[in-house]
Amino acid sequence: MASNRPNPTTNRAVATIVSLVLLLGVWAGAAALAGDEVLFPSPWRVGGIAWAEAASGALARHLLATLGRVAAAFIVAMAIGCALGLWMGRRPGVNL
């Protein structure tokens, strides 16, 4: 006997697709209303440029450079945070 209960996986997939379609629709509508492709490009233009960058290999190079900067910033922040935490933990009067 078949169950009449909705499938949560199907519901999640439908909700994801609907959300993405709505996001693209709102973005495309806002870009059309803005009327300036340089300041507010359409999702189709952004997708085309992203595809061209990926095909040329530039996207991977820029992505790796960005991730390197993020990792460096994380390491610096962790070092400062650990040093500050150790200092605050060893000196009870320093709690901010």
C-alpha atoms as a PDB file:
ATOM      1  CA  MET A   1       0.000   0.000   0.000  1.00  0.00           C
ATOM      2  CA  ALA A   2       1.425   3.356  -1.024  1.00  0.00           C
ATOM      3  CA  SER A   3       1.936   6.001   1.591  1.00  0.00           C
ATOM      4  CA  ASN A   4       0.278   9.381   1.126  1.00  0.00           C
ATOM      5  CA  ARG A   5       2.951  11.119   3.178  1.00  0.00           C
ATOM      6  CA  PRO A   6       5.056  13.669   1.306  1.00  0.00           C
ATOM      7  CA  ASN A   7       8.661  12.711   0.661  1.00  0.00           C
ATOM      8  CA  PRO A   8      10.947  15.115   2.602  1.00  0.00           C
ATOM      9  CA  THR A   9      13.750  14.706   0.051  1.00  0.00           C
ATOM     10  CA  THR A  10      11.452  15.648  -2.815  1.00  0.00           C
ATOM     11  CA  ASN A  11      10.056  18.600  -0.860  1.00  0.00           C
ATOM     12  CA  ARG A  12      13.575  19.832  -0.118  1.00  0.00           C
ATOM     13  CA  ALA A  13      14.611  19.519  -3.771  1.00  0.00           C
ATOM     14  CA  VAL A  14      11.508  21.376  -4.955  1.00  0.00           C
ATOM     15  CA  ALA A  15      12.059  24.126  -2.382  1.00  0.00           C
ATOM     16  CA  THR A  16      15.697  24.468  -3.467  1.00  0.00           C
ATOM     17  CA  ILE A  17      14.790  24.739  -7.152  1.00  0.00           C
ATOM     18  CA  VAL A  18      11.992  27.224  -6.485  1.00  0.00           C
ATOM     19  CA  SER A  19      14.314  29.336  -4.308  1.00  0.00           C
ATOM     20  CA  LEU A  20      17.013  29.421  -6.984  1.00  0.00           C
ATOM     21  CA  VAL A  21      14.525  30.327  -9.715  1.00  0.00           C
ATOM     22  CA  LEU A  22      13.102  33.114  -7.531  1.00  0.00           C
ATOM     23  CA  LEU A  23      16.594  34.392  -6.724  1.00  0.00           C
ATOM     24  CA  LEU A  24      17.537  34.512 -10.408  1.00  0.00           C
ATOM     25  CA  GLY A  25      14.216  36.155 -11.264  1.00  0.00           C
ATOM     26  CA  VAL A  26      14.583  38.861  -8.631  1.00  0.00           C
ATOM     27  CA  TRP A  27      18.214  39.441  -9.633  1.00  0.00           C
ATOM     28  CA  ALA A  28      17.323  39.668 -13.345  1.00  0.00           C
ATOM     29  CA  GLY A  29      14.396  41.991 -12.593  1.00  0.00           C
ATOM     30  CA  ALA A  30      16.511  44.247 -10.397  1.00  0.00           C
ATOM     31  CA  ALA A  31      19.246  44.357 -13.051  1.00  0.00           C
ATOM     32  CA  ALA A  32      16.679  45.271 -15.707  1.00  0.00           C
ATOM     33  CA  LEU A  33      15.253  48.030 -13.506  1.00  0.00           C
ATOM     34  CA  ALA A  34      18.724  49.362 -12.723  1.00  0.00           C
ATOM     35  CA  GLY A  35      19.467  49.632 -16.428  1.00  0.00           C
ATOM     36  CA  ASP A  36      23.246  49.788 -15.946  1.00  0.00           C
ATOM     37  CA  GLU A  37      25.016  46.540 -16.888  1.00  0.00           C
ATOM     38  CA  VAL A  38      28.312  47.795 -15.472  1.00  0.00           C
ATOM     39  CA  LEU A  39      27.076  48.620 -11.963  1.00  0.00           C
ATOM     40  CA  PHE A  40      24.410  45.918 -11.731  1.00  0.00           C
ATOM     41  CA  PRO A  41      24.927  43.139 -14.287  1.00  0.00           C
ATOM     42  CA  SER A  42      22.315  40.511 -15.024  1.00  0.00           C
ATOM     43  CA  PRO A  43      22.843  36.940 -13.833  1.00  0.00           C
ATOM     44  CA  TRP A  44      23.288  35.881 -17.484  1.00  0.00           C
ATOM     45  CA  ARG A  45      26.158  38.314 -17.972  1.00  0.00           C
ATOM     46  CA  VAL A  46      27.805  37.255 -14.708  1.00  0.00           C
ATOM     47  CA  GLY A  47      27.395  33.598 -15.683  1.00  0.00           C
ATOM     48  CA  GLY A  48      28.905  34.214 -19.111  1.00  0.00           C
ATOM     49  CA  ILE A  49      31.918  35.994 -17.685  1.00  0.00           C
ATOM     50  CA  ALA A  50      32.372  33.318 -15.000  1.00  0.00           C
ATOM     51  CA  TRP A  51      32.219  30.617 -17.697  1.00  0.00           C
ATOM     52  CA  ALA A  52      34.822  32.430 -19.818  1.00  0.00           C
ATOM     53  CA  GLU A  53      37.105  32.885 -16.805  1.00  0.00           C
ATOM     54  CA  ALA A  54      36.772  29.202 -15.891  1.00  0.00           C
ATOM     55  CA  ALA A  55      37.488  28.126 -19.471  1.00  0.00           C
ATOM     56  CA  SER A  56      40.633  30.278 -19.634  1.00  0.00           C
ATOM     57  CA  GLY A  57      41.935  29.019 -16.280  1.00  0.00           C
ATOM     58  CA  ALA A  58      41.955  32.499 -14.754  1.00  0.00           C
ATOM     59  CA  LEU A  59      39.101  31.670 -12.354  1.00  0.00           C
ATOM     60  CA  ALA A  60      41.086  28.881 -10.674  1.00  0.00           C
ATOM     61  CA  ARG A  61      44.151  31.129 -10.333  1.00  0.00           C
ATOM     62  CA  HIS A  62      42.139  33.953  -8.786  1.00  0.00           C
ATOM     63  CA  LEU A  63      40.224  31.555  -6.524  1.00  0.00           C
ATOM     64  CA  LEU A  64      43.470  30.082  -5.206  1.00  0.00           C
ATOM     65  CA  ALA A  65      44.875  33.576  -4.583  1.00  0.00           C
ATOM     66  CA  THR A  66      41.728  34.550  -2.679  1.00  0.00           C
ATOM     67  CA  LEU A  67      41.747  31.357  -0.606  1.00  0.00           C
ATOM     68  CA  GLY A  68      45.428  31.962   0.199  1.00  0.00           C
ATOM     69  CA  ARG A  69      44.617  35.440   1.504  1.00  0.00           C
ATOM     70  CA  VAL A  70      41.707  34.054   3.549  1.00  0.00           C
ATOM     71  CA  ALA A  71      43.947  31.363   5.054  1.00  0.00           C
ATOM     72  CA  ALA A  72      46.662  33.904   5.877  1.00  0.00           C
ATOM     73  CA  ALA A  73      44.131  36.214   7.548  1.00  0.00           C
ATOM     74  CA  PHE A  74      42.708  33.282   9.519  1.00  0.00           C
ATOM     75  CA  ILE A  75      46.177  32.276  10.739  1.00  0.00           C
ATOM     76  CA  VAL A  76      46.999  35.836  11.805  1.00  0.00           C
ATOM     77  CA  ALA A  77      43.632  36.204  13.584  1.00  0.00           C
ATOM     78  CA  MET A  78      44.052  32.863  15.367  1.00  0.00           C
ATOM     79  CA  ALA A  79      47.560  33.784  16.516  1.00  0.00           C
ATOM     80  CA  ILE A  80      46.398  37.139  17.858  1.00  0.00           C
ATOM     81  CA  GLY A  81      43.306  35.589  19.464  1.00  0.00           C
ATOM     82  CA  CYS A  82      45.270  32.778  21.108  1.00  0.00           C
ATOM     83  CA  ALA A  83      47.910  35.175  22.434  1.00  0.00           C
ATOM     84  CA  LEU A  84      45.249  37.528  23.756  1.00  0.00           C
ATOM     85  CA  GLY A  85      43.285  34.642  25.308  1.00  0.00           C
ATOM     86  CA  LEU A  86      46.353  33.221  27.024  1.00  0.00           C
ATOM     87  CA  TRP A  87      47.304  36.658  28.313  1.00  0.00           C
ATOM     88  CA  MET A  88      43.768  37.291  29.617  1.00  0.00           C
ATOM     89  CA  GLY A  89      43.599  33.812  31.173  1.00  0.00           C
ATOM     90  CA  ARG A  90      46.861  34.260  33.070  1.00  0.00           C
ATOM     91  CA  ARG A  91      46.029  37.731  34.332  1.00  0.00           C
ATOM     92  CA  PRO A  92      42.668  37.801  36.152  1.00  0.00           C
ATOM     93  CA  GLY A  93      42.583  41.595  36.278  1.00  0.00           C
ATOM     94  CA  VAL A  94      42.757  41.896  32.484  1.00  0.00           C
ATOM     95  CA  ASN A  95      39.285  40.543  31.654  1.00  0.00           C
ATOM     96  CA  LEU A  96      37.678  43.051  29.372  1.00  0.00           C
END
